[in-house]
Amino acid sequence: MKAKLYAADGNVKGSIDLPENIFGIEPNKALLHSVIVGYLANQRQGTAKTKTRSEVSGGGKKPWKQKGTGRARSGSNTSPVWARGGKAHGAQPRDYRQGITRKMRRKALVCAYSVRATEEKIGVITGLSIEQPKTKIISELLNKIGVFGDGKKYCGKTLFVVSGDDRNVYLSSRNIKDVDVKAVSDVNAYDVVRATNIIFADEALIGKIEETIAK
């Protein structure tokens, strides 16, 4: 499995071999789906809350007598059928968390990388160095590569994978629209699946993926 290798100016320099054990496996779609659903469920706060008829203000005296008025029977103005009454079967605080094992997360990440590699949606930059944070540098570089559609190969959301130690590259790319910047150790399966294309800011990051998965 190979990926295009780009110079720091955005020109294609050649190609780079991608590890088959990460970018060349047969993806387990059922596992990938399960892990992503679990990840999204774990992001939910579960704090939605509506008031039941016992919690809204009001109640007490019966609105009108039981018989003789010609109106429907009513015992309290806190009934769900009344305006400003309690909510029937409304949302209550709950825990949405799902258990995802470390082995499942690792396998799902590898599956996601393999899918994008098969689609030829992975690019690697070499020789990128930024002395001071400047968004224009990264924006022009990604535009030259074609992640914004100009190159007619890449378009959609981009996952820009950087080193956790290179703060200038991170600061220069975090404000670009449709670009999600993540340190290589923080990338998860959802990040990869959500992105249309993946650009690594340094070819050394490919080797660090194996270190991250091995942890």
N, C-alpha and C. Protein backbone atom coordinates (compact mmCIF):
# COMPACT_ATOMS: atom_id res chain seq x y z
N MET A 1 0.84 -1.19 0.00
CA MET A 1 0.00 0.00 0.00
C MET A 1 0.89 1.25 0.00
N LYS A 2 0.55 2.20 -0.87
CA LYS A 2 1.37 3.41 -0.98
C LYS A 2 0.50 4.66 -0.80
N ALA A 3 1.17 5.77 -0.47
CA ALA A 3 0.51 7.07 -0.37
C ALA A 3 1.39 8.10 -1.05
N LYS A 4 0.79 9.14 -1.55
CA LYS A 4 1.55 10.20 -2.22
C LYS A 4 2.38 10.96 -1.19
N LEU A 5 3.61 11.27 -1.59
CA LEU A 5 4.52 12.03 -0.74
C LEU A 5 4.65 13.43 -1.32
N TYR A 6 4.33 14.44 -0.50
CA TYR A 6 4.37 15.83 -0.95
C TYR A 6 5.53 16.57 -0.30
N ALA A 7 6.12 17.47 -1.06
CA ALA A 7 7.15 18.35 -0.51
C ALA A 7 6.47 19.46 0.29
N ALA A 8 7.28 20.25 1.00
CA ALA A 8 6.74 21.31 1.83
C ALA A 8 6.06 22.41 1.03
N ASP A 9 6.31 22.45 -0.28
CA ASP A 9 5.66 23.45 -1.13
C ASP A 9 4.38 22.91 -1.77
N GLY A 10 4.04 21.67 -1.49
CA GLY A 10 2.80 21.09 -2.00
C GLY A 10 2.93 20.28 -3.26
N ASN A 11 4.12 20.27 -3.86
CA ASN A 11 4.34 19.50 -5.08
C ASN A 11 4.54 18.02 -4.75
N VAL A 12 4.09 17.16 -5.65
CA VAL A 12 4.24 15.72 -5.45
C VAL A 12 5.71 15.35 -5.61
N LYS A 13 6.25 14.69 -4.60
CA LYS A 13 7.65 14.33 -4.59
C LYS A 13 7.86 12.86 -4.96
N GLY A 14 6.82 12.07 -4.81
CA GLY A 14 6.93 10.64 -5.07
C GLY A 14 5.86 9.91 -4.29
N SER A 15 6.20 8.75 -3.78
CA SER A 15 5.26 7.97 -2.97
C SER A 15 5.99 7.37 -1.78
N ILE A 16 5.23 6.95 -0.81
CA ILE A 16 5.80 6.36 0.40
C ILE A 16 5.05 5.07 0.71
N ASP A 17 5.78 4.06 1.13
CA ASP A 17 5.16 2.78 1.48
C ASP A 17 4.48 2.89 2.84
N LEU A 18 3.26 2.39 2.92
CA LEU A 18 2.50 2.38 4.17
C LEU A 18 2.53 0.98 4.76
N PRO A 19 2.67 0.85 6.06
CA PRO A 19 2.71 -0.48 6.68
C PRO A 19 1.43 -1.27 6.39
N GLU A 20 1.60 -2.49 5.91
CA GLU A 20 0.44 -3.31 5.54
C GLU A 20 -0.38 -3.69 6.76
N ASN A 21 0.25 -3.82 7.92
CA ASN A 21 -0.48 -4.24 9.12
C ASN A 21 -1.38 -3.13 9.67
N ILE A 22 -1.26 -1.91 9.13
CA ILE A 22 -2.11 -0.80 9.56
C ILE A 22 -2.98 -0.29 8.42
N PHE A 23 -2.41 -0.21 7.24
CA PHE A 23 -3.11 0.39 6.11
C PHE A 23 -3.55 -0.62 5.04
N GLY A 24 -3.28 -1.90 5.29
CA GLY A 24 -3.59 -2.87 4.25
C GLY A 24 -4.39 -4.07 4.70
N ILE A 25 -5.10 -3.98 5.82
CA ILE A 25 -5.86 -5.12 6.28
C ILE A 25 -7.28 -5.10 5.71
N GLU A 26 -7.97 -6.22 5.81
CA GLU A 26 -9.36 -6.29 5.41
C GLU A 26 -10.21 -5.70 6.55
N PRO A 27 -10.90 -4.58 6.32
CA PRO A 27 -11.62 -3.92 7.43
C PRO A 27 -12.80 -4.73 7.94
N ASN A 28 -12.95 -4.75 9.25
CA ASN A 28 -14.10 -5.38 9.90
C ASN A 28 -15.16 -4.29 10.08
N LYS A 29 -16.10 -4.21 9.16
CA LYS A 29 -17.07 -3.11 9.17
C LYS A 29 -17.99 -3.16 10.38
N ALA A 30 -18.34 -4.37 10.82
CA ALA A 30 -19.21 -4.51 11.99
C ALA A 30 -18.53 -3.96 13.24
N LEU A 31 -17.25 -4.28 13.40
CA LEU A 31 -16.49 -3.78 14.54
C LEU A 31 -16.34 -2.27 14.46
N LEU A 32 -16.03 -1.77 13.27
CA LEU A 32 -15.86 -0.33 13.09
C LEU A 32 -17.14 0.41 13.43
N HIS A 33 -18.26 -0.10 12.98
CA HIS A 33 -19.55 0.52 13.27
C HIS A 33 -19.83 0.50 14.77
N SER A 34 -19.56 -0.63 15.41
CA SER A 34 -19.82 -0.76 16.85
C SER A 34 -18.99 0.22 17.67
N VAL A 35 -17.72 0.37 17.31
CA VAL A 35 -16.82 1.26 18.05
C VAL A 35 -17.22 2.72 17.86
N ILE A 36 -17.60 3.10 16.64
CA ILE A 36 -17.99 4.48 16.37
C ILE A 36 -19.29 4.83 17.08
N VAL A 37 -20.25 3.91 17.05
CA VAL A 37 -21.52 4.14 17.77
C VAL A 37 -21.25 4.29 19.27
N GLY A 38 -20.38 3.44 19.79
CA GLY A 38 -20.03 3.53 21.21
C GLY A 38 -19.31 4.83 21.54
N TYR A 39 -18.40 5.26 20.65
CA TYR A 39 -17.67 6.51 20.86
C TYR A 39 -18.63 7.69 20.91
N LEU A 40 -19.57 7.75 19.96
CA LEU A 40 -20.52 8.85 19.92
C LEU A 40 -21.45 8.82 21.13
N ALA A 41 -21.82 7.63 21.55
CA ALA A 41 -22.67 7.50 22.75
C ALA A 41 -21.94 8.01 23.99
N ASN A 42 -20.64 7.75 24.03
CA ASN A 42 -19.86 8.18 25.20
C ASN A 42 -19.63 9.69 25.24
N GLN A 43 -19.89 10.37 24.13
CA GLN A 43 -19.76 11.84 24.11
C GLN A 43 -21.01 12.52 24.66
N ARG A 44 -22.09 11.78 24.78
CA ARG A 44 -23.35 12.39 25.22
C ARG A 44 -23.31 12.69 26.71
N GLN A 45 -23.81 13.86 27.10
CA GLN A 45 -23.80 14.24 28.50
C GLN A 45 -24.91 13.53 29.27
N GLY A 46 -26.02 13.29 28.62
CA GLY A 46 -27.13 12.62 29.30
C GLY A 46 -27.77 13.45 30.38
N THR A 47 -27.76 14.79 30.20
CA THR A 47 -28.31 15.68 31.24
C THR A 47 -29.68 16.26 30.86
N ALA A 48 -30.26 15.82 29.74
CA ALA A 48 -31.57 16.33 29.35
C ALA A 48 -32.60 15.98 30.42
N LYS A 49 -33.44 16.97 30.77
CA LYS A 49 -34.38 16.76 31.88
C LYS A 49 -35.67 17.54 31.63
N THR A 50 -36.81 16.86 31.73
CA THR A 50 -38.11 17.53 31.68
C THR A 50 -38.82 17.30 33.00
N LYS A 51 -39.76 18.19 33.32
CA LYS A 51 -40.49 18.07 34.59
C LYS A 51 -41.72 17.19 34.42
N THR A 52 -41.92 16.32 35.37
CA THR A 52 -43.13 15.50 35.39
C THR A 52 -44.25 16.30 36.05
N ARG A 53 -45.45 15.72 36.09
CA ARG A 53 -46.58 16.44 36.67
C ARG A 53 -46.40 16.71 38.16
N SER A 54 -45.52 15.94 38.81
CA SER A 54 -45.28 16.15 40.23
C SER A 54 -44.26 17.27 40.48
N GLU A 55 -43.60 17.73 39.41
CA GLU A 55 -42.54 18.72 39.58
C GLU A 55 -42.92 20.11 39.09
N VAL A 56 -43.94 20.23 38.22
CA VAL A 56 -44.34 21.56 37.75
C VAL A 56 -45.13 22.28 38.83
N SER A 57 -45.15 23.61 38.73
CA SER A 57 -45.91 24.38 39.72
C SER A 57 -47.40 24.27 39.41
N GLY A 58 -48.21 24.38 40.44
CA GLY A 58 -49.66 24.26 40.26
C GLY A 58 -50.18 23.08 41.06
N GLY A 59 -51.32 22.59 40.63
CA GLY A 59 -51.93 21.47 41.35
C GLY A 59 -52.77 21.98 42.52
N GLY A 60 -52.97 21.13 43.45
CA GLY A 60 -53.78 21.52 44.61
C GLY A 60 -55.26 21.36 44.35
N LYS A 61 -55.96 22.47 44.25
CA LYS A 61 -57.42 22.43 44.09
C LYS A 61 -57.83 21.88 42.72
N LYS A 62 -58.90 21.10 42.75
CA LYS A 62 -59.46 20.57 41.50
C LYS A 62 -60.00 21.73 40.67
N PRO A 63 -59.64 21.80 39.37
CA PRO A 63 -60.01 22.96 38.55
C PRO A 63 -61.52 23.25 38.53
N TRP A 64 -62.33 22.24 38.42
CA TRP A 64 -63.80 22.38 38.48
C TRP A 64 -64.40 21.07 38.97
N LYS A 65 -65.64 21.14 39.33
CA LYS A 65 -66.29 19.95 39.89
C LYS A 65 -66.37 18.83 38.84
N GLN A 66 -66.55 17.65 39.35
CA GLN A 66 -66.48 16.47 38.49
C GLN A 66 -67.61 16.43 37.47
N LYS A 67 -68.78 16.79 37.86
CA LYS A 67 -69.95 16.65 36.98
C LYS A 67 -70.71 17.96 36.84
N GLY A 68 -71.51 18.03 35.79
CA GLY A 68 -72.45 19.13 35.64
C GLY A 68 -71.95 20.33 34.87
N THR A 69 -70.66 20.38 34.50
CA THR A 69 -70.14 21.55 33.78
C THR A 69 -70.18 21.36 32.27
N GLY A 70 -70.30 20.14 31.82
CA GLY A 70 -70.27 19.87 30.37
C GLY A 70 -68.87 19.74 29.84
N ARG A 71 -67.90 19.96 30.65
CA ARG A 71 -66.50 19.85 30.23
C ARG A 71 -65.92 18.49 30.64
N ALA A 72 -64.79 18.17 30.06
CA ALA A 72 -64.14 16.91 30.40
C ALA A 72 -63.67 16.94 31.86
N ARG A 73 -63.61 15.77 32.43
CA ARG A 73 -63.16 15.67 33.82
C ARG A 73 -61.71 16.13 33.96
N SER A 74 -61.40 16.79 35.02
CA SER A 74 -60.03 17.23 35.27
C SER A 74 -59.77 17.27 36.76
N GLY A 75 -58.65 16.65 37.14
CA GLY A 75 -58.34 16.62 38.56
C GLY A 75 -57.23 17.58 38.96
N SER A 76 -56.41 18.01 38.00
CA SER A 76 -55.29 18.90 38.33
C SER A 76 -54.81 19.63 37.09
N ASN A 77 -54.37 20.87 37.27
CA ASN A 77 -53.84 21.62 36.12
C ASN A 77 -52.37 21.26 35.83
N THR A 78 -51.83 20.27 36.55
CA THR A 78 -50.48 19.79 36.25
C THR A 78 -50.52 18.59 35.30
N SER A 79 -51.70 18.20 34.85
CA SER A 79 -51.84 17.07 33.94
C SER A 79 -51.10 17.35 32.62
N PRO A 80 -50.49 16.35 32.00
CA PRO A 80 -49.79 16.55 30.74
C PRO A 80 -50.68 17.09 29.61
N VAL A 81 -51.98 16.93 29.70
CA VAL A 81 -52.86 17.43 28.64
C VAL A 81 -53.14 18.92 28.79
N TRP A 82 -52.74 19.50 29.90
CA TRP A 82 -52.94 20.93 30.12
C TRP A 82 -51.71 21.71 29.65
N ALA A 83 -51.93 22.93 29.17
CA ALA A 83 -50.82 23.83 28.87
C ALA A 83 -50.06 24.11 30.16
N ARG A 84 -48.76 24.09 30.09
CA ARG A 84 -47.87 24.28 31.24
C ARG A 84 -47.99 23.15 32.25
N GLY A 85 -48.55 22.02 31.81
CA GLY A 85 -48.59 20.84 32.67
C GLY A 85 -47.29 20.06 32.59
N GLY A 86 -47.21 18.98 33.32
CA GLY A 86 -46.01 18.15 33.31
C GLY A 86 -45.86 17.41 31.98
N LYS A 87 -44.65 16.94 31.74
CA LYS A 87 -44.35 16.21 30.51
C LYS A 87 -44.50 14.72 30.74
N ALA A 88 -45.31 14.06 29.91
CA ALA A 88 -45.47 12.62 30.02
C ALA A 88 -44.35 11.91 29.27
N HIS A 89 -43.67 10.99 29.93
CA HIS A 89 -42.60 10.20 29.33
C HIS A 89 -41.49 11.09 28.76
N GLY A 90 -41.20 12.19 29.44
CA GLY A 90 -40.16 13.10 28.98
C GLY A 90 -38.76 12.59 29.27
N ALA A 91 -37.77 13.32 28.75
CA ALA A 91 -36.37 12.93 28.94
C ALA A 91 -35.96 13.08 30.40
N GLN A 92 -35.19 12.12 30.87
CA GLN A 92 -34.66 12.14 32.22
C GLN A 92 -33.15 11.87 32.16
N PRO A 93 -32.39 12.42 33.11
CA PRO A 93 -30.94 12.19 33.08
C PRO A 93 -30.62 10.70 33.06
N ARG A 94 -29.67 10.33 32.18
CA ARG A 94 -29.28 8.93 32.08
C ARG A 94 -27.85 8.82 31.59
N ASP A 95 -27.29 7.66 31.76
CA ASP A 95 -25.91 7.40 31.34
C ASP A 95 -25.95 6.63 30.03
N TYR A 96 -25.39 7.24 28.97
CA TYR A 96 -25.39 6.61 27.64
C TYR A 96 -24.11 5.82 27.36
N ARG A 97 -23.21 5.77 28.30
CA ARG A 97 -21.91 5.18 28.03
C ARG A 97 -21.98 3.71 27.64
N GLN A 98 -21.11 3.36 26.70
CA GLN A 98 -20.98 1.97 26.27
C GLN A 98 -19.54 1.53 26.47
N GLY A 99 -19.37 0.30 26.84
CA GLY A 99 -18.03 -0.21 27.07
C GLY A 99 -17.33 -0.55 25.77
N ILE A 100 -16.15 0.04 25.56
CA ILE A 100 -15.34 -0.26 24.38
C ILE A 100 -13.95 -0.66 24.88
N THR A 101 -13.54 -1.86 24.60
CA THR A 101 -12.24 -2.32 25.08
C THR A 101 -11.11 -1.68 24.28
N ARG A 102 -9.93 -1.70 24.87
CA ARG A 102 -8.76 -1.14 24.20
C ARG A 102 -8.46 -1.89 22.90
N LYS A 103 -8.65 -3.19 22.93
CA LYS A 103 -8.40 -4.00 21.73
C LYS A 103 -9.35 -3.63 20.60
N MET A 104 -10.61 -3.36 20.95
CA MET A 104 -11.60 -2.95 19.94
C MET A 104 -11.23 -1.60 19.34
N ARG A 105 -10.82 -0.65 20.19
CA ARG A 105 -10.45 0.68 19.70
C ARG A 105 -9.27 0.61 18.74
N ARG A 106 -8.26 -0.18 19.11
CA ARG A 106 -7.08 -0.31 18.25
C ARG A 106 -7.45 -0.93 16.91
N LYS A 107 -8.22 -2.00 16.96
CA LYS A 107 -8.60 -2.70 15.73
C LYS A 107 -9.44 -1.80 14.83
N ALA A 108 -10.36 -1.04 15.43
CA ALA A 108 -11.22 -0.15 14.65
C ALA A 108 -10.40 0.96 13.99
N LEU A 109 -9.39 1.47 14.69
CA LEU A 109 -8.54 2.52 14.12
C LEU A 109 -7.78 1.99 12.90
N VAL A 110 -7.26 0.77 13.03
CA VAL A 110 -6.54 0.16 11.91
C VAL A 110 -7.49 -0.07 10.73
N CYS A 111 -8.70 -0.52 11.02
CA CYS A 111 -9.70 -0.72 9.96
C CYS A 111 -10.00 0.59 9.24
N ALA A 112 -10.16 1.66 10.00
CA ALA A 112 -10.47 2.96 9.41
C ALA A 112 -9.33 3.46 8.53
N TYR A 113 -8.09 3.32 9.01
CA TYR A 113 -6.94 3.71 8.21
C TYR A 113 -6.88 2.89 6.91
N SER A 114 -7.18 1.62 6.99
CA SER A 114 -7.12 0.75 5.81
C SER A 114 -8.15 1.14 4.77
N VAL A 115 -9.33 1.55 5.24
CA VAL A 115 -10.38 1.99 4.31
C VAL A 115 -9.92 3.22 3.54
N ARG A 116 -9.36 4.20 4.23
CA ARG A 116 -8.91 5.42 3.57
C ARG A 116 -7.70 5.15 2.66
N ALA A 117 -6.85 4.23 3.04
CA ALA A 117 -5.70 3.91 2.20
C ALA A 117 -6.16 3.23 0.91
N THR A 118 -7.15 2.37 1.02
CA THR A 118 -7.69 1.70 -0.16
C THR A 118 -8.32 2.71 -1.12
N GLU A 119 -8.92 3.75 -0.57
CA GLU A 119 -9.56 4.79 -1.37
C GLU A 119 -8.55 5.82 -1.89
N GLU A 120 -7.28 5.63 -1.54
CA GLU A 120 -6.21 6.57 -1.93
C GLU A 120 -6.50 7.98 -1.42
N LYS A 121 -6.91 8.06 -0.19
CA LYS A 121 -7.23 9.34 0.43
C LYS A 121 -6.20 9.74 1.50
N ILE A 122 -5.01 9.19 1.41
CA ILE A 122 -3.97 9.49 2.40
C ILE A 122 -2.79 10.14 1.70
N GLY A 123 -2.30 11.23 2.30
CA GLY A 123 -1.12 11.92 1.78
C GLY A 123 -0.14 12.19 2.90
N VAL A 124 1.12 12.29 2.57
CA VAL A 124 2.18 12.52 3.57
C VAL A 124 3.06 13.68 3.10
N ILE A 125 3.34 14.59 4.00
CA ILE A 125 4.19 15.73 3.70
C ILE A 125 5.57 15.50 4.31
N THR A 126 6.60 15.85 3.59
CA THR A 126 7.95 15.72 4.11
C THR A 126 8.67 17.07 4.07
N GLY A 127 9.51 17.30 5.06
CA GLY A 127 10.31 18.52 5.10
C GLY A 127 9.56 19.76 5.53
N LEU A 128 8.40 19.59 6.19
CA LEU A 128 7.62 20.76 6.63
C LEU A 128 8.20 21.33 7.91
N SER A 129 8.53 22.60 7.87
CA SER A 129 9.09 23.27 9.04
C SER A 129 8.55 24.70 9.09
N ILE A 130 8.00 25.08 10.24
CA ILE A 130 7.44 26.42 10.42
C ILE A 130 8.10 27.07 11.63
N GLU A 131 8.74 28.21 11.41
CA GLU A 131 9.44 28.89 12.50
C GLU A 131 8.48 29.63 13.41
N GLN A 132 7.45 30.24 12.81
CA GLN A 132 6.45 30.95 13.60
C GLN A 132 5.06 30.54 13.12
N PRO A 133 4.08 30.45 14.03
CA PRO A 133 2.72 30.04 13.63
C PRO A 133 2.13 31.01 12.60
N LYS A 134 1.68 30.48 11.49
CA LYS A 134 1.09 31.31 10.45
C LYS A 134 0.11 30.44 9.66
N THR A 135 -1.18 30.72 9.81
CA THR A 135 -2.21 29.91 9.18
C THR A 135 -2.08 29.90 7.66
N LYS A 136 -1.66 31.01 7.07
CA LYS A 136 -1.57 31.12 5.62
C LYS A 136 -0.65 30.07 5.03
N ILE A 137 0.41 29.71 5.73
CA ILE A 137 1.38 28.75 5.22
C ILE A 137 0.73 27.38 5.02
N ILE A 138 0.04 26.91 6.05
CA ILE A 138 -0.61 25.59 5.97
C ILE A 138 -1.79 25.63 5.01
N SER A 139 -2.53 26.73 5.02
CA SER A 139 -3.69 26.84 4.14
C SER A 139 -3.29 26.75 2.68
N GLU A 140 -2.23 27.47 2.31
CA GLU A 140 -1.75 27.44 0.93
C GLU A 140 -1.18 26.07 0.57
N LEU A 141 -0.52 25.44 1.54
CA LEU A 141 0.05 24.11 1.31
C LEU A 141 -1.05 23.09 1.03
N LEU A 142 -2.09 23.08 1.88
CA LEU A 142 -3.20 22.14 1.70
C LEU A 142 -3.97 22.43 0.42
N ASN A 143 -4.06 23.70 0.08
CA ASN A 143 -4.74 24.08 -1.16
C ASN A 143 -3.97 23.58 -2.38
N LYS A 144 -2.64 23.65 -2.29
CA LYS A 144 -1.79 23.16 -3.38
C LYS A 144 -1.91 21.63 -3.50
N ILE A 145 -2.00 20.97 -2.36
CA ILE A 145 -2.15 19.52 -2.38
C ILE A 145 -3.50 19.13 -2.98
N GLY A 146 -4.50 19.95 -2.70
CA GLY A 146 -5.82 19.71 -3.28
C GLY A 146 -6.88 19.27 -2.31
N VAL A 147 -6.67 19.44 -1.00
CA VAL A 147 -7.66 18.99 -0.03
C VAL A 147 -8.95 19.80 -0.08
N PHE A 148 -8.90 20.99 -0.70
CA PHE A 148 -10.10 21.81 -0.80
C PHE A 148 -10.80 21.64 -2.15
N GLY A 149 -10.36 20.67 -2.93
CA GLY A 149 -11.02 20.39 -4.19
C GLY A 149 -10.34 20.97 -5.41
N ASP A 150 -9.37 21.86 -5.22
CA ASP A 150 -8.69 22.48 -6.36
C ASP A 150 -7.93 21.45 -7.19
N GLY A 151 -7.36 20.46 -6.49
CA GLY A 151 -6.61 19.43 -7.19
C GLY A 151 -7.49 18.33 -7.76
N LYS A 152 -8.80 18.41 -7.49
CA LYS A 152 -9.79 17.47 -7.99
C LYS A 152 -9.59 16.05 -7.50
N LYS A 153 -8.70 15.85 -6.55
CA LYS A 153 -8.52 14.53 -5.95
C LYS A 153 -9.07 14.51 -4.54
N TYR A 154 -8.70 15.52 -3.77
CA TYR A 154 -9.18 15.60 -2.40
C TYR A 154 -10.26 16.67 -2.30
N CYS A 155 -11.24 16.42 -1.46
CA CYS A 155 -12.25 17.43 -1.13
C CYS A 155 -12.99 16.94 0.11
N GLY A 156 -13.77 17.81 0.72
CA GLY A 156 -14.47 17.43 1.95
C GLY A 156 -13.62 17.76 3.17
N LYS A 157 -13.95 17.14 4.28
CA LYS A 157 -13.21 17.40 5.52
C LYS A 157 -11.85 16.70 5.50
N THR A 158 -10.87 17.36 6.11
CA THR A 158 -9.52 16.83 6.12
C THR A 158 -9.05 16.62 7.56
N LEU A 159 -8.47 15.45 7.81
CA LEU A 159 -7.83 15.19 9.09
C LEU A 159 -6.34 15.45 8.90
N PHE A 160 -5.84 16.48 9.57
CA PHE A 160 -4.43 16.86 9.46
C PHE A 160 -3.72 16.33 10.70
N VAL A 161 -2.94 15.29 10.51
CA VAL A 161 -2.27 14.62 11.63
C VAL A 161 -0.90 15.23 11.83
N VAL A 162 -0.67 15.71 13.05
CA VAL A 162 0.59 16.39 13.36
C VAL A 162 1.28 15.70 14.53
N SER A 163 2.50 16.12 14.77
CA SER A 163 3.23 15.62 15.94
C SER A 163 2.84 16.45 17.15
N GLY A 164 2.72 15.80 18.28
CA GLY A 164 2.37 16.52 19.50
C GLY A 164 3.45 17.48 19.95
N ASP A 165 4.66 17.31 19.40
CA ASP A 165 5.79 18.17 19.79
C ASP A 165 5.92 19.41 18.93
N ASP A 166 5.30 19.40 17.73
CA ASP A 166 5.44 20.54 16.81
C ASP A 166 4.27 21.50 16.99
N ARG A 167 4.39 22.38 17.93
CA ARG A 167 3.30 23.29 18.27
C ARG A 167 3.03 24.32 17.17
N ASN A 168 4.06 24.74 16.46
CA ASN A 168 3.88 25.74 15.41
C ASN A 168 3.00 25.22 14.28
N VAL A 169 3.19 23.96 13.91
CA VAL A 169 2.35 23.38 12.86
C VAL A 169 0.91 23.27 13.34
N TYR A 170 0.75 22.88 14.59
CA TYR A 170 -0.61 22.77 15.16
C TYR A 170 -1.31 24.13 15.17
N LEU A 171 -0.63 25.16 15.66
CA LEU A 171 -1.22 26.49 15.76
C LEU A 171 -1.51 27.07 14.37
N SER A 172 -0.71 26.69 13.38
CA SER A 172 -0.88 27.24 12.04
C SER A 172 -2.04 26.59 11.29
N SER A 173 -2.54 25.47 11.78
CA SER A 173 -3.57 24.74 11.04
C SER A 173 -4.90 24.61 11.77
N ARG A 174 -4.97 25.01 13.02
CA ARG A 174 -6.18 24.74 13.79
C ARG A 174 -7.37 25.63 13.41
N ASN A 175 -7.12 26.76 12.72
CA ASN A 175 -8.21 27.67 12.39
C ASN A 175 -8.70 27.55 10.95
N ILE A 176 -8.22 26.55 10.24
CA ILE A 176 -8.61 26.39 8.84
C ILE A 176 -9.94 25.66 8.75
N LYS A 177 -10.85 26.20 7.97
CA LYS A 177 -12.17 25.61 7.83
C LYS A 177 -12.08 24.21 7.23
N ASP A 178 -12.88 23.30 7.75
CA ASP A 178 -12.97 21.92 7.27
C ASP A 178 -11.68 21.13 7.46
N VAL A 179 -10.80 21.62 8.36
CA VAL A 179 -9.58 20.88 8.68
C VAL A 179 -9.58 20.58 10.17
N ASP A 180 -9.52 19.30 10.50
CA ASP A 180 -9.49 18.85 11.89
C ASP A 180 -8.06 18.45 12.22
N VAL A 181 -7.44 19.16 13.16
CA VAL A 181 -6.04 18.92 13.50
C VAL A 181 -5.95 18.04 14.74
N LYS A 182 -5.21 16.96 14.62
CA LYS A 182 -5.06 16.04 15.74
C LYS A 182 -3.62 15.55 15.84
N ALA A 183 -3.13 15.40 17.08
CA ALA A 183 -1.84 14.76 17.28
C ALA A 183 -2.00 13.28 16.94
N VAL A 184 -0.96 12.67 16.43
CA VAL A 184 -1.06 11.28 15.97
C VAL A 184 -1.51 10.34 17.08
N SER A 185 -1.15 10.66 18.32
CA SER A 185 -1.52 9.80 19.45
C SER A 185 -2.97 9.99 19.87
N ASP A 186 -3.62 11.06 19.39
CA ASP A 186 -5.00 11.35 19.79
C ASP A 186 -6.02 10.93 18.74
N VAL A 187 -5.57 10.48 17.60
CA VAL A 187 -6.50 10.12 16.52
C VAL A 187 -7.26 8.84 16.90
N ASN A 188 -8.58 8.85 16.66
CA ASN A 188 -9.37 7.64 16.88
C ASN A 188 -10.11 7.28 15.60
N ALA A 189 -10.80 6.16 15.63
CA ALA A 189 -11.47 5.65 14.42
C ALA A 189 -12.51 6.63 13.89
N TYR A 190 -13.21 7.31 14.78
CA TYR A 190 -14.24 8.27 14.34
C TYR A 190 -13.60 9.42 13.58
N ASP A 191 -12.45 9.91 14.04
CA ASP A 191 -11.76 11.00 13.34
C ASP A 191 -11.42 10.60 11.91
N VAL A 192 -10.96 9.37 11.74
CA VAL A 192 -10.55 8.90 10.41
C VAL A 192 -11.76 8.71 9.50
N VAL A 193 -12.82 8.10 10.02
CA VAL A 193 -14.01 7.86 9.21
C VAL A 193 -14.70 9.17 8.85
N ARG A 194 -14.70 10.12 9.76
CA ARG A 194 -15.37 11.40 9.53
C ARG A 194 -14.67 12.22 8.45
N ALA A 195 -13.36 12.04 8.33
CA ALA A 195 -12.58 12.82 7.36
C ALA A 195 -12.63 12.16 5.98
N THR A 196 -12.74 12.99 4.97
CA THR A 196 -12.69 12.50 3.59
C THR A 196 -11.26 12.13 3.21
N ASN A 197 -10.31 12.90 3.71
CA ASN A 197 -8.92 12.62 3.39
C ASN A 197 -8.04 12.87 4.61
N ILE A 198 -6.89 12.24 4.62
CA ILE A 198 -5.99 12.31 5.77
C ILE A 198 -4.61 12.74 5.28
N ILE A 199 -4.10 13.80 5.89
CA ILE A 199 -2.77 14.30 5.53
C ILE A 199 -1.87 14.24 6.77
N PHE A 200 -0.74 13.57 6.65
CA PHE A 200 0.23 13.50 7.74
C PHE A 200 1.26 14.60 7.53
N ALA A 201 1.51 15.39 8.57
CA ALA A 201 2.42 16.53 8.46
C ALA A 201 3.88 16.13 8.40
N ASP A 202 4.18 14.86 8.67
CA ASP A 202 5.57 14.40 8.64
C ASP A 202 5.55 12.90 8.36
N GLU A 203 6.49 12.44 7.55
CA GLU A 203 6.53 11.01 7.22
C GLU A 203 6.89 10.16 8.43
N ALA A 204 7.53 10.75 9.44
CA ALA A 204 7.88 10.00 10.64
C ALA A 204 6.64 9.62 11.45
N LEU A 205 5.53 10.33 11.21
CA LEU A 205 4.30 10.05 11.95
C LEU A 205 3.71 8.68 11.59
N ILE A 206 4.02 8.18 10.40
CA ILE A 206 3.53 6.87 9.99
C ILE A 206 4.04 5.80 10.95
N GLY A 207 5.31 5.90 11.31
CA GLY A 207 5.89 4.94 12.25
C GLY A 207 5.33 5.09 13.65
N LYS A 208 4.95 6.32 14.01
CA LYS A 208 4.42 6.56 15.36
C LYS A 208 3.02 5.96 15.54
N ILE A 209 2.33 5.70 14.43
CA ILE A 209 1.00 5.07 14.54
C ILE A 209 1.14 3.70 15.19
N GLU A 210 2.17 2.96 14.76
CA GLU A 210 2.40 1.63 15.33
C GLU A 210 2.71 1.72 16.82
N GLU A 211 3.46 2.74 17.23
CA GLU A 211 3.77 2.93 18.65
C GLU A 211 2.50 3.23 19.44
N THR A 212 1.62 4.05 18.84
CA THR A 212 0.37 4.42 19.51
C THR A 212 -0.53 3.20 19.68
N ILE A 213 -0.65 2.39 18.65
CA ILE A 213 -1.51 1.22 18.71
C ILE A 213 -0.96 0.17 19.66
N ALA A 214 0.35 0.13 19.79
CA ALA A 214 0.98 -0.88 20.65
C ALA A 214 0.83 -0.56 22.13
N LYS A 215 0.46 0.65 22.47
CA LYS A 215 0.35 1.05 23.88
C LYS A 215 -0.84 0.36 24.54
